[in-house]
């Protein structure tokens, strides 16, 4: 198996940084939209990485706690430019979202609900539905190379959507199913016809081995530095403000949440909301939904909603600090403790995972996980559609069946119209994610202001 030369960067780091920043400005719509943007830019347009290599990295990142799209960017950055590339890709992936959500959180605590902000949400949320649907199609075409994987993807969708099976259980069962299928179907991991790379060979081919070898010394160094960086801000906050301060409470709570967020943001939001409202009293009931709406309209991982929770909580209980200073400090501290583990998981695990790429059993298990990811994205599309296009929902709970369904009489026709517009721009006109979001946001503002008038 050939190896990637690590004596030099695969591409200049400056070129990579520009591309990662451009990607970061388009990462709307949660992990589905983010993965679709990276797929189009890195695999199809830039030809920096092969399709199967991209899906392999995605499957590994899906196994980790934390936002898989941000970790995927970090992994690919490491493949292209080593540790420097991993840090640049991972940081730039979240930076626009951090800045945007800080600004929106400030607007929220200062002005609350305004017609303009609500109108903006009216346009953006339906556009996200169309973008997620596009991601289902894209990832499905690339990752489902055998009918058995299509069946596994459909089964994962049904389990998540209609039976409330926890995401970690779906991933574990899909990995086992992929492994068992791989033993009976030798062609299971062959790429789908749509996944075969067209055009010039990618700079990081599917069969190339990353030449940075794992070692005990490297692992120990990365672990020590990572743990020190992770814990240092919370320790400083404890020394500066006392153990009972809101900054230490938030730092410890969100540090713990960061390592149990299997299944992405939605899997942990219920727990965060319950603790933030009922235990710590950082938010009022119902505010978590508003924070999620803000996070959905900004680039970057949806788990960034924890920044909103910290901002609002510290603004209302600033202690000796000015409320605005306290809010920004708490938001940045929470962001730090949430994302440092993401870098740690990749920099620790990627060199070892690279050595297992030729293992057929592992490849089959990861193919099963990729199929589950397609089902997860489809389930997310249904979740967005129900909560965006309808004002009310009900639950059907009968035996093992546990599914939410919309109340048809609560359909919101303005949101439906914008969703149709977004789908037309995505599938018919082939517009970029950013252009679609801009057009739908403008349509939402026009409709919202017209209704208010």
Protein backbone atom coordinates (compact mmCIF):
# COMPACT_ATOMS: atom_id res chain seq x y z
CA UNK A 1 0.00 0.00 0.00
CA UNK A 2 1.58 3.36 -1.00
CA UNK A 3 2.02 6.05 1.62
CA UNK A 4 1.49 9.79 1.71
CA UNK A 5 4.79 11.64 2.00
CA UNK A 6 4.76 13.49 5.33
CA UNK A 7 8.07 15.29 4.67
CA UNK A 8 5.95 18.00 3.08
CA UNK A 9 2.34 19.12 3.06
CA UNK A 10 0.08 17.50 0.48
CA UNK A 11 -1.04 21.03 -0.41
CA UNK A 12 0.27 24.39 0.87
CA UNK A 13 -1.17 25.14 4.29
CA UNK A 14 -2.18 28.65 3.19
CA UNK A 15 -4.21 27.20 0.31
CA UNK A 16 -5.82 24.70 2.65
CA UNK A 17 -6.68 27.43 5.16
CA UNK A 18 -8.45 29.50 2.51
CA UNK A 19 -10.50 26.50 1.44
CA UNK A 20 -11.40 25.49 5.01
CA UNK A 21 -12.54 29.03 5.72
CA UNK A 22 -14.71 29.02 2.59
CA UNK A 23 -16.20 25.70 3.70
CA UNK A 24 -16.85 27.06 7.19
CA UNK A 25 -19.04 29.84 5.77
CA UNK A 26 -21.31 27.25 4.12
CA UNK A 27 -21.73 24.78 6.99
CA UNK A 28 -25.41 25.44 7.65
CA UNK A 29 -28.05 22.80 8.22
CA UNK A 30 -26.40 20.56 10.80
CA UNK A 31 -24.08 17.62 10.09
CA UNK A 32 -25.92 16.55 6.96
CA UNK A 33 -25.41 19.88 5.23
CA UNK A 34 -21.85 20.19 6.54
CA UNK A 35 -20.83 16.75 5.28
CA UNK A 36 -22.42 17.52 1.91
CA UNK A 37 -20.40 20.75 1.62
CA UNK A 38 -17.12 18.98 2.41
CA UNK A 39 -18.00 16.13 0.04
CA UNK A 40 -18.59 18.55 -2.83
CA UNK A 41 -15.57 20.76 -2.14
CA UNK A 42 -12.88 18.28 -1.10
CA UNK A 43 -13.82 15.22 -3.17
CA UNK A 44 -15.60 16.53 -6.26
CA UNK A 45 -14.16 20.00 -6.87
CA UNK A 46 -10.68 20.23 -5.35
CA UNK A 47 -9.86 16.50 -5.74
CA UNK A 48 -7.80 16.57 -2.56
CA UNK A 49 -9.11 13.28 -1.16
CA UNK A 50 -10.64 10.14 -2.66
CA UNK A 51 -14.30 9.27 -2.20
CA UNK A 52 -13.79 6.04 -0.26
CA UNK A 53 -11.13 7.67 1.91
CA UNK A 54 -13.62 10.42 2.76
CA UNK A 55 -16.32 7.88 3.69
CA UNK A 56 -13.85 5.86 5.78
CA UNK A 57 -12.93 8.97 7.79
CA UNK A 58 -16.63 9.84 8.16
CA UNK A 59 -17.44 6.39 9.51
CA UNK A 60 -14.68 6.65 12.11
CA UNK A 61 -15.81 10.11 13.20
CA UNK A 62 -19.38 8.86 13.55
CA UNK A 63 -18.17 6.49 16.26
CA UNK A 64 -16.80 9.34 18.37
CA UNK A 65 -18.59 11.58 20.86
CA UNK A 66 -18.97 15.13 19.63
CA UNK A 67 -19.87 16.72 16.27
CA UNK A 68 -18.81 14.29 13.55
CA UNK A 69 -18.62 16.93 10.80
CA UNK A 70 -16.11 19.06 12.72
CA UNK A 71 -14.09 15.94 13.52
CA UNK A 72 -14.20 14.91 9.87
CA UNK A 73 -12.76 18.29 8.90
CA UNK A 74 -10.04 17.83 11.52
CA UNK A 75 -9.25 14.34 10.22
CA UNK A 76 -9.00 15.46 6.59
CA UNK A 77 -6.91 18.47 7.66
CA UNK A 78 -4.52 16.04 9.37
CA UNK A 79 -4.29 13.93 6.21
CA UNK A 80 -3.43 17.00 4.13
CA UNK A 81 -1.15 18.97 6.45
CA UNK A 82 -0.46 16.96 9.61
CA UNK A 83 -1.14 18.37 13.07
CA UNK A 84 -1.06 21.96 11.80
CA UNK A 85 -3.65 21.11 9.19
CA UNK A 86 -5.87 19.40 11.75
CA UNK A 87 -5.83 22.46 13.99
CA UNK A 88 -6.44 24.88 11.12
CA UNK A 89 -9.31 22.84 9.66
CA UNK A 90 -10.97 22.16 13.00
CA UNK A 91 -10.70 25.73 14.28
CA UNK A 92 -11.81 27.39 11.06
CA UNK A 93 -14.75 24.98 10.85
CA UNK A 94 -16.25 26.37 14.07
CA UNK A 95 -14.92 29.96 14.08
CA UNK A 96 -17.68 31.65 11.99
CA UNK A 97 -20.33 29.88 14.06
CA UNK A 98 -18.76 31.03 17.33
CA UNK A 99 -18.73 34.66 16.18
CA UNK A 100 -22.22 34.52 14.65
CA UNK A 101 -23.83 32.85 17.65
CA UNK A 102 -22.15 35.28 20.04
CA UNK A 103 -23.73 38.13 18.09
CA UNK A 104 -27.15 36.46 17.90
CA UNK A 105 -27.08 35.58 21.60
CA UNK A 106 -26.35 39.21 22.36
CA UNK A 107 -29.24 40.33 20.18
CA UNK A 108 -31.49 37.83 21.92
CA UNK A 109 -30.76 38.98 25.48
CA UNK A 110 -30.88 42.65 24.44
CA UNK A 111 -33.96 42.70 22.24
CA UNK A 112 -35.71 39.35 22.61
CA UNK A 113 -38.05 38.42 19.79
CA UNK A 114 -38.20 40.95 16.98
CA UNK A 115 -40.11 40.86 13.73
CA UNK A 116 -36.92 41.00 11.66
CA UNK A 117 -35.25 38.09 13.49
CA UNK A 118 -38.41 35.97 13.33
CA UNK A 119 -38.74 36.72 9.62
CA UNK A 120 -35.13 35.64 9.08
CA UNK A 121 -35.86 32.33 10.82
CA UNK A 122 -38.98 31.93 8.68
CA UNK A 123 -36.79 31.83 5.58
CA UNK A 124 -33.78 29.90 6.86
CA UNK A 125 -35.47 26.97 8.59
CA UNK A 126 -37.36 25.69 5.49
CA UNK A 127 -34.19 26.07 3.42
CA UNK A 128 -32.43 23.73 5.83
CA UNK A 129 -35.02 21.04 5.04
CA UNK A 130 -34.11 21.18 1.35
CA UNK A 131 -30.37 21.14 2.09
CA UNK A 132 -30.67 18.09 4.34
CA UNK A 133 -32.68 16.26 1.66
CA UNK A 134 -29.89 16.98 -0.80
CA UNK A 135 -27.40 15.49 1.67
CA UNK A 136 -29.47 12.30 1.91
CA UNK A 137 -29.27 11.91 -1.86
CA UNK A 138 -25.56 12.76 -2.10
CA UNK A 139 -24.31 10.57 0.75
CA UNK A 140 -26.66 7.74 -0.23
CA UNK A 141 -25.36 7.67 -3.79
CA UNK A 142 -21.76 7.67 -2.62
CA UNK A 143 -21.95 5.33 0.37
CA UNK A 144 -24.50 2.64 -0.51
CA UNK A 145 -22.63 0.43 -2.95
CA UNK A 146 -24.65 -2.75 -2.36
CA UNK A 147 -28.40 -3.42 -1.99
CA UNK A 148 -27.75 -4.87 1.48
CA UNK A 149 -26.43 -1.49 2.59
CA UNK A 150 -29.55 0.20 1.21
CA UNK A 151 -31.66 -2.15 3.34
CA UNK A 152 -29.50 -1.35 6.35
CA UNK A 153 -29.91 2.40 5.76
CA UNK A 154 -33.70 2.05 5.54
CA UNK A 155 -33.75 -0.09 8.69
CA UNK A 156 -31.71 2.55 10.54
CA UNK A 157 -34.12 5.27 9.42
CA UNK A 158 -37.15 3.26 10.59
CA UNK A 159 -35.53 2.42 13.93
CA UNK A 160 -34.71 6.05 14.65
CA UNK A 161 -37.86 7.67 13.29
CA UNK A 162 -40.59 5.25 14.30
CA UNK A 163 -39.24 3.27 17.24
CA UNK A 164 -37.08 5.79 19.09
CA UNK A 165 -34.02 3.51 19.14
CA UNK A 166 -31.04 5.43 20.60
CA UNK A 167 -28.48 6.53 18.04
CA UNK A 168 -25.53 4.67 19.68
CA UNK A 169 -27.54 1.43 19.53
CA UNK A 170 -28.28 1.99 15.83
CA UNK A 171 -24.58 2.56 15.11
CA UNK A 172 -23.50 -0.49 17.09
CA UNK A 173 -26.06 -2.77 15.44
CA UNK A 174 -25.20 -1.40 11.99
CA UNK A 175 -21.49 -2.01 12.58
CA UNK A 176 -22.22 -5.60 13.62
CA UNK A 177 -24.55 -6.10 10.66
CA UNK A 178 -21.93 -4.69 8.29
CA UNK A 179 -19.29 -7.04 9.70
CA UNK A 180 -21.58 -10.08 9.33
CA UNK A 181 -22.63 -9.07 5.81
CA UNK A 182 -19.01 -8.52 4.82
CA UNK A 183 -18.23 -12.13 5.69
CA UNK A 184 -20.97 -13.37 3.38
CA UNK A 185 -20.78 -10.74 0.63
CA UNK A 186 -17.17 -10.10 -0.54
CA UNK A 187 -18.28 -7.17 -2.74
CA UNK A 188 -20.05 -5.35 0.12
CA UNK A 189 -17.38 -2.66 0.45
CA UNK A 190 -16.99 -2.08 -3.29
CA UNK A 191 -17.79 1.57 -4.07
CA UNK A 192 -21.16 2.45 -5.51
CA UNK A 193 -21.13 3.25 -9.19
CA UNK A 194 -21.85 6.88 -8.34
CA UNK A 195 -18.98 6.82 -5.85
CA UNK A 196 -16.28 5.98 -8.38
CA UNK A 197 -14.07 9.03 -8.72
CA UNK A 198 -14.27 10.86 -12.01
CA UNK A 199 -11.60 13.23 -13.26
CA UNK A 200 -7.97 13.45 -12.16
CA UNK A 201 -6.70 11.25 -9.31
CA UNK A 202 -7.11 12.83 -5.86
CA UNK A 203 -4.03 14.08 -4.02
CA UNK A 204 -4.76 11.66 -1.16
CA UNK A 205 -5.84 8.48 -2.99
CA UNK A 206 -8.17 5.89 -1.50
CA UNK A 207 -5.39 3.32 -1.15
CA UNK A 208 -2.61 5.59 0.17
CA UNK A 209 -1.40 5.07 3.73
CA UNK A 210 -0.73 8.09 5.91
CA UNK A 211 2.93 7.71 6.81
CA UNK A 212 2.85 9.32 10.28
CA UNK A 213 3.20 6.16 12.39
CA UNK A 214 1.50 5.76 15.76
CA UNK A 215 3.86 5.52 18.69
CA UNK A 216 3.65 5.40 22.48
CA UNK A 217 5.73 8.58 22.77
CA UNK A 218 3.50 10.53 20.37
CA UNK A 219 0.32 9.24 22.01
CA UNK A 220 1.53 10.20 25.49
CA UNK A 221 2.54 13.68 24.33
CA UNK A 222 -0.75 14.37 22.55
CA UNK A 223 -2.77 13.08 25.52
CA UNK A 224 -0.82 15.13 28.07
CA UNK A 225 -0.97 18.38 26.10
CA UNK A 226 -4.62 17.86 25.20
CA UNK A 227 -5.75 17.18 28.77
CA UNK A 228 -3.77 20.16 30.05
CA UNK A 229 -5.33 22.52 27.49
CA UNK A 230 -8.78 21.10 28.20
CA UNK A 231 -8.61 21.57 31.97
CA UNK A 232 -6.60 24.80 32.22
CA UNK A 233 -9.41 27.36 31.61
CA UNK A 234 -11.70 25.73 34.19
CA UNK A 235 -8.86 25.68 36.74
CA UNK A 236 -8.13 29.36 36.07
CA UNK A 237 -11.83 30.20 36.48
CA UNK A 238 -11.90 28.36 39.80
CA UNK A 239 -8.89 30.32 41.05
CA UNK A 240 -10.23 33.66 39.80
CA UNK A 241 -13.92 33.36 40.72
CA UNK A 242 -14.17 30.50 43.20
CA UNK A 243 -15.35 26.91 42.89
CA UNK A 244 -19.01 27.87 43.26
CA UNK A 245 -19.00 30.37 40.38
CA UNK A 246 -21.18 29.89 37.33
CA UNK A 247 -18.08 29.68 35.12
CA UNK A 248 -16.76 26.60 36.92
CA UNK A 249 -20.22 25.02 36.99
CA UNK A 250 -20.59 25.54 33.26
CA UNK A 251 -17.03 24.44 32.51
CA UNK A 252 -17.41 21.17 34.42
CA UNK A 253 -20.91 20.44 33.15
CA UNK A 254 -20.12 21.01 29.48
CA UNK A 255 -16.79 19.17 29.78
CA UNK A 256 -18.77 16.14 30.85
CA UNK A 257 -21.37 16.64 28.14
CA UNK A 258 -18.60 16.81 25.51
CA UNK A 259 -17.57 13.20 26.09
CA UNK A 260 -21.08 11.70 26.13
CA UNK A 261 -22.53 13.40 23.04
CA UNK A 262 -22.77 10.22 20.99
CA UNK A 263 -25.22 10.70 18.17
CA UNK A 264 -24.61 14.40 17.66
CA UNK A 265 -26.31 17.46 19.07
CA UNK A 266 -29.88 16.16 19.16
CA UNK A 267 -28.90 13.14 21.23
CA UNK A 268 -27.65 15.34 24.07
CA UNK A 269 -29.89 18.41 23.81
CA UNK A 270 -32.67 16.93 25.91
CA UNK A 271 -30.21 16.27 28.73
CA UNK A 272 -28.61 19.71 28.44
CA UNK A 273 -32.02 21.41 28.37
CA UNK A 274 -33.23 19.54 31.44
CA UNK A 275 -30.11 20.37 33.45
CA UNK A 276 -29.89 23.99 32.27
CA UNK A 277 -33.56 24.72 33.09
CA UNK A 278 -34.42 22.56 36.08
CA UNK A 279 -31.09 22.10 37.90
CA UNK A 280 -28.89 25.12 37.17
CA UNK A 281 -31.68 27.56 36.16
CA UNK A 282 -29.56 29.10 33.41
CA UNK A 283 -32.53 29.23 31.02
CA UNK A 284 -36.26 29.70 31.29
CA UNK A 285 -38.52 26.89 29.99
CA UNK A 286 -38.77 27.04 26.21
CA UNK A 287 -35.56 29.02 25.70
CA UNK A 288 -33.61 25.95 24.66
CA UNK A 289 -35.75 25.73 21.53
CA UNK A 290 -34.95 29.35 20.70
CA UNK A 291 -31.27 28.68 21.22
CA UNK A 292 -31.45 25.71 18.90
CA UNK A 293 -33.17 27.86 16.27
CA UNK A 294 -30.30 30.33 16.52
CA UNK A 295 -27.72 27.54 16.23
CA UNK A 296 -29.48 26.10 13.19
CA UNK A 297 -29.20 29.45 11.40
CA UNK A 298 -25.47 29.85 11.98
CA UNK A 299 -22.63 27.92 10.34
CA UNK A 300 -20.91 25.18 12.32
CA UNK A 301 -22.03 22.27 14.50
CA UNK A 302 -25.48 22.36 16.09
CA UNK A 303 -23.91 21.47 19.44
CA UNK A 304 -22.81 25.12 19.43
CA UNK A 305 -26.16 25.74 21.11
CA UNK A 306 -24.32 25.14 24.39
CA UNK A 307 -22.65 28.50 23.79
CA UNK A 308 -26.09 30.14 23.81
CA UNK A 309 -26.95 28.37 27.08
CA UNK A 310 -23.76 29.60 28.72
CA UNK A 311 -24.15 33.13 27.35
CA UNK A 312 -27.70 33.57 28.62
CA UNK A 313 -26.98 31.91 31.97
CA UNK A 314 -23.94 34.05 32.73
CA UNK A 315 -25.62 37.24 31.51
CA UNK A 316 -28.38 36.73 34.08
CA UNK A 317 -26.03 35.70 36.92
CA UNK A 318 -22.77 37.55 36.22
CA UNK A 319 -21.50 37.74 39.77
CA UNK A 320 -19.02 40.60 40.19
CA UNK A 321 -18.49 41.06 36.45
CA UNK A 322 -20.36 43.23 33.97
CA UNK A 323 -23.17 41.08 32.47
CA UNK A 324 -21.86 41.39 28.93
CA UNK A 325 -18.29 40.51 29.94
CA UNK A 326 -19.59 37.57 31.97
CA UNK A 327 -21.72 36.32 29.08
CA UNK A 328 -18.90 36.42 26.52
CA UNK A 329 -16.44 34.84 28.96
CA UNK A 330 -18.84 31.99 29.77
CA UNK A 331 -19.68 31.40 26.10
CA UNK A 332 -16.01 31.17 25.10
CA UNK A 333 -15.14 28.93 28.06
CA UNK A 334 -17.98 26.57 27.18
CA UNK A 335 -16.96 26.49 23.53
CA UNK A 336 -13.39 25.65 24.55
CA UNK A 337 -14.26 22.71 26.80
CA UNK A 338 -16.74 21.39 24.24
CA UNK A 339 -14.37 21.27 21.27
CA UNK A 340 -10.90 20.55 22.69
CA UNK A 341 -11.85 16.85 23.13
CA UNK A 342 -12.80 16.71 19.44
CA UNK A 343 -9.23 17.53 18.43
CA UNK A 344 -7.90 15.11 21.02
CA UNK A 345 -9.96 12.18 19.70
CA UNK A 346 -8.72 12.73 16.14
CA UNK A 347 -5.05 13.37 16.89
CA UNK A 348 -4.94 10.36 19.20
CA UNK A 349 -6.93 7.92 17.10
CA UNK A 350 -6.30 8.80 13.47
CA UNK A 351 -2.76 7.31 13.20
CA UNK A 352 -4.03 4.01 14.57
CA UNK A 353 -7.17 3.97 12.44
CA UNK A 354 -5.07 4.61 9.33
CA UNK A 355 -3.18 1.35 9.98
CA UNK A 356 -6.47 -0.56 9.98
CA UNK A 357 -7.71 0.70 6.62
CA UNK A 358 -6.72 -2.53 4.86
CA UNK A 359 -8.64 -4.69 7.33
CA UNK A 360 -11.65 -6.16 5.48
CA UNK A 361 -13.64 -6.84 8.64
CA UNK A 362 -13.21 -3.24 9.79
CA UNK A 363 -14.06 -1.94 6.32
CA UNK A 364 -17.29 -3.95 6.34
CA UNK A 365 -18.22 -2.71 9.83
CA UNK A 366 -17.58 0.88 8.78
CA UNK A 367 -19.64 0.34 5.61
CA UNK A 368 -22.50 -0.64 7.92
CA UNK A 369 -21.98 2.55 9.91
CA UNK A 370 -21.98 4.61 6.71
CA UNK A 371 -25.34 3.07 5.81
CA UNK A 372 -26.62 3.99 9.27
CA UNK A 373 -25.44 7.56 8.71
CA UNK A 374 -27.62 7.77 5.60
CA UNK A 375 -30.58 6.65 7.70
CA UNK A 376 -29.71 9.17 10.40
CA UNK A 377 -29.60 12.03 7.90
CA UNK A 378 -32.95 10.96 6.45
CA UNK A 379 -34.40 10.85 9.99
CA UNK A 380 -33.03 14.33 10.59
CA UNK A 381 -34.74 15.54 7.41
CA UNK A 382 -38.06 14.24 8.73
CA UNK A 383 -37.43 15.89 12.11
CA UNK A 384 -36.74 19.25 10.48
CA UNK A 385 -39.74 18.97 8.17
CA UNK A 386 -42.18 18.16 10.99
CA UNK A 387 -40.94 20.99 13.20
CA UNK A 388 -40.57 23.55 10.42
CA UNK A 389 -43.55 23.03 8.14
CA UNK A 390 -46.14 22.41 10.85
CA UNK A 391 -47.02 24.34 13.98
CA UNK A 392 -48.11 21.35 16.05
CA UNK A 393 -47.15 17.71 16.38
CA UNK A 394 -48.52 14.66 18.16
CA UNK A 395 -46.97 11.36 19.21
CA UNK A 396 -48.08 7.86 18.36
CA UNK A 397 -47.06 5.46 21.12
CA UNK A 398 -48.26 1.90 20.73
CA UNK A 399 -46.12 -0.95 21.99
CA UNK A 400 -42.60 -0.43 20.60
CA UNK A 401 -43.83 2.25 18.20
CA UNK A 402 -42.85 5.77 19.28
CA UNK A 403 -43.11 8.35 16.51
CA UNK A 404 -43.94 12.03 16.16
CA UNK A 405 -46.28 13.06 13.39
CA UNK A 406 -47.53 16.48 12.30
CA UNK A 407 -51.02 17.79 12.93
CA UNK A 408 -52.09 18.42 9.34
CA UNK A 409 -54.37 21.31 10.23
CA UNK A 410 -51.34 23.19 11.62
CA UNK A 411 -49.50 23.31 8.29
CA UNK A 412 -47.63 26.60 7.80
CA UNK A 413 -48.03 27.41 4.15
CA UNK A 414 -45.44 30.19 4.11
CA UNK A 415 -42.79 27.75 5.36
CA UNK A 416 -43.95 25.15 2.82
CA UNK A 417 -43.61 27.70 0.01
CA UNK A 418 -40.07 28.60 1.05
CA UNK A 419 -39.14 24.91 1.42
CA UNK A 420 -40.36 24.29 -2.14
CA UNK A 421 -38.33 27.28 -3.31
CA UNK A 422 -35.24 25.91 -1.56
CA UNK A 423 -35.73 22.44 -3.04
CA UNK A 424 -36.12 23.91 -6.53
CA UNK A 425 -32.92 25.94 -6.15
CA UNK A 426 -31.00 22.94 -4.81
CA UNK A 427 -32.19 20.13 -7.10
CA UNK A 428 -33.29 21.96 -10.25
CA UNK A 429 -30.98 24.95 -10.42
CA UNK A 430 -28.04 23.34 -8.60
CA UNK A 431 -27.35 26.40 -6.46
CA UNK A 432 -24.76 26.33 -3.69
CA UNK A 433 -25.85 26.03 -0.06
CA UNK A 434 -24.92 29.65 0.65
CA UNK A 435 -26.92 31.02 -2.31
CA UNK A 436 -29.95 28.94 -1.36
CA UNK A 437 -29.82 30.15 2.23
CA UNK A 438 -29.49 33.75 1.07
CA UNK A 439 -32.43 33.51 -1.31
CA UNK A 440 -34.66 31.81 1.25
CA UNK A 441 -33.66 34.24 3.99
CA UNK A 442 -34.64 37.13 1.72
CA UNK A 443 -37.97 35.44 0.95
CA UNK A 444 -38.59 34.92 4.67
CA UNK A 445 -37.87 38.55 5.49
CA UNK A 446 -40.24 39.75 2.76
CA UNK A 447 -43.03 37.41 3.89
CA UNK A 448 -42.50 38.14 7.58
CA UNK A 449 -42.50 41.90 7.18
CA UNK A 450 -45.55 41.71 4.90
CA UNK A 451 -47.44 39.68 7.50
CA UNK A 452 -46.46 42.11 10.24
CA UNK A 453 -47.65 45.05 8.15
